[in-house]
Protein backbone atom coordinates (compact mmCIF):
# COMPACT_ATOMS: atom_id res chain seq x y z
CA MET A 1 -42.02 26.50 -156.10
CA ALA A 2 -39.44 29.16 -157.00
CA MET A 3 -37.90 31.08 -154.13
CA GLY A 4 -37.86 34.87 -154.15
CA ILE A 5 -34.75 36.75 -153.07
CA THR A 6 -33.96 40.42 -152.80
CA VAL A 7 -30.31 41.40 -153.25
CA ILE A 8 -29.03 44.43 -151.37
CA GLY A 9 -26.11 45.85 -153.30
CA GLU A 10 -27.26 44.28 -156.56
CA ARG A 11 -25.00 46.52 -158.67
CA GLY A 12 -21.78 45.62 -156.88
CA ARG A 13 -19.19 43.00 -157.77
CA MET A 14 -20.86 40.29 -155.72
CA GLY A 15 -24.48 41.36 -155.77
CA SER A 16 -24.56 41.51 -159.57
CA ARG A 17 -23.32 37.91 -159.79
CA VAL A 18 -25.99 36.72 -157.37
CA VAL A 19 -28.63 38.41 -159.52
CA ALA A 20 -27.17 36.89 -162.70
CA LEU A 21 -27.18 33.37 -161.25
CA ALA A 22 -30.61 33.58 -159.61
CA THR A 23 -32.39 31.44 -162.21
CA GLY A 24 -34.38 28.24 -162.05
CA GLU A 25 -35.42 27.78 -158.43
CA PHE A 26 -34.66 31.43 -157.59
CA PHE A 27 -36.06 34.73 -158.80
CA VAL A 28 -35.13 38.29 -157.86
CA THR A 29 -37.91 40.45 -156.49
CA ASP A 30 -38.47 43.43 -154.18
CA TRP A 31 -38.08 43.30 -150.42
CA GLU A 32 -41.79 42.91 -149.66
CA ASN A 33 -42.22 39.86 -151.93
CA ALA A 34 -38.93 38.14 -151.15
CA ASP A 35 -38.54 35.02 -149.05
CA VAL A 36 -34.96 35.91 -148.08
CA ALA A 37 -32.78 39.03 -148.31
CA ILE A 38 -29.10 38.77 -149.33
CA ASP A 39 -26.83 41.66 -148.34
CA PHE A 40 -23.70 42.42 -150.35
CA SER A 41 -23.76 46.18 -149.86
CA SER A 42 -21.91 48.31 -147.31
CA PRO A 43 -21.04 47.39 -143.71
CA LYS A 44 -22.10 50.92 -142.73
CA ALA A 45 -25.72 50.02 -143.52
CA LEU A 46 -25.81 46.92 -141.31
CA ASP A 47 -28.04 48.37 -138.58
CA GLU A 48 -30.52 49.64 -141.16
CA HIS A 49 -30.73 46.25 -142.89
CA LEU A 50 -31.05 44.36 -139.61
CA SER A 51 -33.90 46.62 -138.52
CA ARG A 52 -35.70 46.23 -141.83
CA ALA A 53 -35.31 42.46 -141.81
CA ILE A 54 -36.69 42.25 -138.29
CA SER A 55 -39.69 44.50 -139.02
CA SER A 56 -40.56 42.53 -142.17
CA LYS A 57 -39.61 39.16 -140.62
CA LYS A 58 -37.23 38.31 -143.47
CA PRO A 59 -34.31 35.87 -143.09
CA LEU A 60 -31.10 37.73 -143.88
CA VAL A 61 -27.88 36.46 -145.50
CA ILE A 62 -24.97 38.83 -144.82
CA GLY A 63 -21.86 38.65 -146.98
CA THR A 64 -20.42 42.12 -146.41
CA THR A 65 -17.10 42.50 -144.59
CA GLY A 66 -15.23 45.33 -142.88
CA HIS A 67 -17.83 45.78 -140.12
CA ALA A 68 -17.33 47.77 -136.95
CA THR A 69 -16.26 45.85 -133.84
CA ASP A 70 -19.80 45.74 -132.43
CA ALA A 71 -21.38 44.35 -135.62
CA TYR A 72 -21.33 40.71 -134.54
CA SER A 73 -23.11 41.62 -131.31
CA ALA A 74 -25.77 43.43 -133.35
CA MET A 75 -26.21 40.32 -135.52
CA GLN A 76 -26.50 38.13 -132.43
CA ALA A 77 -29.18 40.38 -130.97
CA ALA A 78 -31.16 40.46 -134.22
CA SER A 79 -30.87 36.70 -134.62
CA GLN A 80 -33.06 36.27 -131.56
CA LYS A 81 -35.94 37.39 -133.77
CA ILE A 82 -35.03 36.25 -137.31
CA PRO A 83 -32.65 33.71 -138.89
CA ILE A 84 -29.38 35.33 -139.96
CA LEU A 85 -26.45 33.75 -141.76
CA PHE A 86 -23.22 35.74 -141.73
CA SER A 87 -20.12 34.68 -143.62
CA PRO A 88 -17.26 36.65 -145.17
CA ASN A 89 -16.80 33.77 -147.62
CA PHE A 90 -19.35 31.41 -149.23
CA SER A 91 -17.11 28.81 -150.88
CA LEU A 92 -17.16 25.11 -150.06
CA GLY A 93 -13.37 24.96 -150.23
CA MET A 94 -13.01 27.64 -147.57
CA ALA A 95 -15.42 25.78 -145.30
CA ALA A 96 -13.04 22.81 -145.46
CA CYS A 97 -10.00 25.05 -144.98
CA LEU A 98 -11.44 26.51 -141.79
CA GLU A 99 -11.76 23.05 -140.29
CA ALA A 100 -8.26 22.11 -141.46
CA VAL A 101 -6.74 25.26 -139.97
CA ALA A 102 -8.34 24.57 -136.59
CA LEU A 103 -6.99 21.00 -136.62
CA LEU A 104 -3.47 21.94 -137.74
CA ALA A 105 -3.22 24.74 -135.20
CA GLN A 106 -4.23 22.36 -132.44
CA LYS A 107 -1.82 19.63 -133.49
CA LEU A 108 1.22 21.67 -134.53
CA GLY A 109 1.45 24.87 -132.56
CA GLY A 110 4.45 26.84 -133.83
CA THR A 111 3.95 30.15 -135.61
CA ILE A 112 1.09 30.87 -138.00
CA ASP A 113 1.05 33.43 -140.79
CA ILE A 114 -1.85 34.24 -143.10
CA VAL A 115 -1.21 35.88 -146.47
CA GLU A 116 -4.35 37.23 -148.15
CA ALA A 117 -4.58 38.93 -151.55
CA HIS A 118 -7.54 40.76 -153.11
CA HIS A 119 -8.24 43.30 -155.85
CA ALA A 120 -6.91 46.81 -155.49
CA GLN A 121 -10.36 48.31 -154.80
CA LYS A 122 -11.16 46.15 -151.77
CA LYS A 123 -11.63 48.53 -148.86
CA ASP A 124 -11.22 46.35 -145.78
CA LYS A 125 -7.80 45.05 -144.75
CA PRO A 126 -7.30 42.35 -143.61
CA SER A 127 -10.10 40.49 -145.32
CA GLY A 128 -13.01 39.07 -143.35
CA THR A 129 -11.95 35.59 -144.43
CA ALA A 130 -8.42 36.12 -143.10
CA LEU A 131 -9.84 37.23 -139.77
CA LEU A 132 -12.05 34.13 -139.67
CA LEU A 133 -9.06 31.90 -140.45
CA ALA A 134 -7.11 33.58 -137.64
CA GLN A 135 -10.01 33.01 -135.29
CA MET A 136 -10.09 29.31 -136.18
CA ALA A 137 -6.33 29.05 -135.61
CA GLY A 138 -6.83 30.20 -132.04
CA ASN A 139 -3.21 31.31 -131.65
CA GLN A 140 -1.19 34.45 -132.17
CA VAL A 141 -1.44 34.90 -135.93
CA ALA A 142 0.29 37.42 -138.21
CA ILE A 143 -1.84 38.53 -141.17
CA HIS A 144 -0.22 39.97 -144.30
CA SER A 145 -2.49 41.74 -146.80
CA ILE A 146 -1.97 42.40 -150.51
CA ARG A 147 -4.23 44.67 -152.59
CA ALA A 148 -3.36 44.48 -156.29
CA GLY A 149 -4.91 44.17 -159.73
CA ASP A 150 -8.14 42.21 -160.01
CA ILE A 151 -7.36 39.31 -157.64
CA ILE A 152 -10.67 37.81 -156.53
CA GLY A 153 -9.50 36.14 -153.35
CA ASP A 154 -6.36 34.21 -152.35
CA HIS A 155 -5.66 33.00 -148.81
CA THR A 156 -2.56 31.08 -147.67
CA VAL A 157 -2.10 29.86 -144.11
CA ILE A 158 1.52 29.03 -143.25
CA PHE A 159 2.33 26.84 -140.24
CA THR A 160 6.02 26.99 -139.30
CA CYS A 161 7.52 24.52 -136.85
CA ALA A 162 11.10 23.52 -136.07
CA GLY A 163 12.56 22.20 -139.32
CA GLU A 164 9.32 22.07 -141.30
CA ARG A 165 6.55 24.16 -142.79
CA ILE A 166 2.99 23.45 -143.95
CA GLU A 167 1.13 25.78 -146.34
CA LEU A 168 -2.62 25.59 -146.86
CA LYS A 169 -3.73 27.65 -149.86
CA HIS A 170 -7.18 28.54 -151.18
CA GLN A 171 -7.78 30.49 -154.39
CA VAL A 172 -11.03 31.59 -155.97
CA ILE A 173 -11.00 32.06 -159.74
CA SER A 174 -14.60 33.25 -160.18
CA ARG A 175 -16.97 35.31 -158.05
CA ASP A 176 -19.68 32.91 -159.16
CA THR A 177 -18.30 30.52 -156.53
CA PHE A 178 -19.32 33.00 -153.83
CA ALA A 179 -22.61 33.85 -155.55
CA GLN A 180 -23.66 30.20 -155.76
CA GLY A 181 -22.78 29.80 -152.10
CA ALA A 182 -24.89 32.81 -151.16
CA LEU A 183 -27.85 31.30 -153.00
CA LYS A 184 -27.34 28.04 -151.11
CA ALA A 185 -27.28 30.07 -147.91
CA ALA A 186 -30.59 31.72 -148.82
CA LYS A 187 -32.18 28.35 -149.53
CA PHE A 188 -30.84 27.00 -146.25
CA LEU A 189 -32.03 30.00 -144.23
CA LYS A 190 -35.56 30.10 -145.59
CA THR A 191 -36.77 27.22 -143.42
CA ARG A 192 -34.63 27.84 -140.33
CA PRO A 193 -35.80 29.20 -136.98
CA PRO A 194 -34.28 32.40 -135.58
CA GLY A 195 -30.58 32.06 -134.85
CA LEU A 196 -27.15 33.10 -136.07
CA TYR A 197 -25.79 30.66 -138.64
CA SER A 198 -22.42 30.34 -140.38
CA LEU A 199 -20.61 28.90 -143.41
CA LYS A 200 -20.26 25.56 -141.64
CA ASP A 201 -24.04 25.20 -141.42
CA ILE A 202 -24.45 25.49 -145.20
CA TYR A 203 -21.85 22.93 -146.15
CA GLU A 204 -22.03 20.48 -143.28
CA LYS A 205 -22.98 17.59 -145.58
CA SER A 206 -21.95 18.98 -148.97
CA SER A 207 -19.25 18.02 -151.47
CA CYS A 208 -17.79 19.52 -154.66
């Protein structure tokens, strides 16, 4: 049976790609008839969308970034009632990079720099993905942000030790990568109990 999704922010860069790729096992519908809601709108509307998802008992995939500092706490509270999956990045490659960063930071120590580049219109700086990478590193991390042209999303993590350097780089060449990941997240979330899920949960047993 096809799965119904409603896309919040369906006219934006990401939301429009989710709508375009929602074929086959997915179809786009209104909130009331959807199985799962996918939010690629504005971080300012988070409380409104959480409240609506709770009242209608809809699982909610959140891909917006640039939230206020208390946003994660609000998601945690709402996830006691409905399943929520929050991720600033929905690519399989980034899921692997997050694990690699945690391992390298643990093994190497040294200094860690993150260089992230996105299109000139991106409002939040640093990116949500860069903040997540820094969190996984678990050390004092310097983040350097670039906003230029139409860059979709580049992240480089640089580990510098005495006499050597390791660079871990991830580049996205199509927003469809994120859109496909968001659809996988919706499919995953549909059958899950209340809780707050992450990128790792989607791709735990996946491969390219």
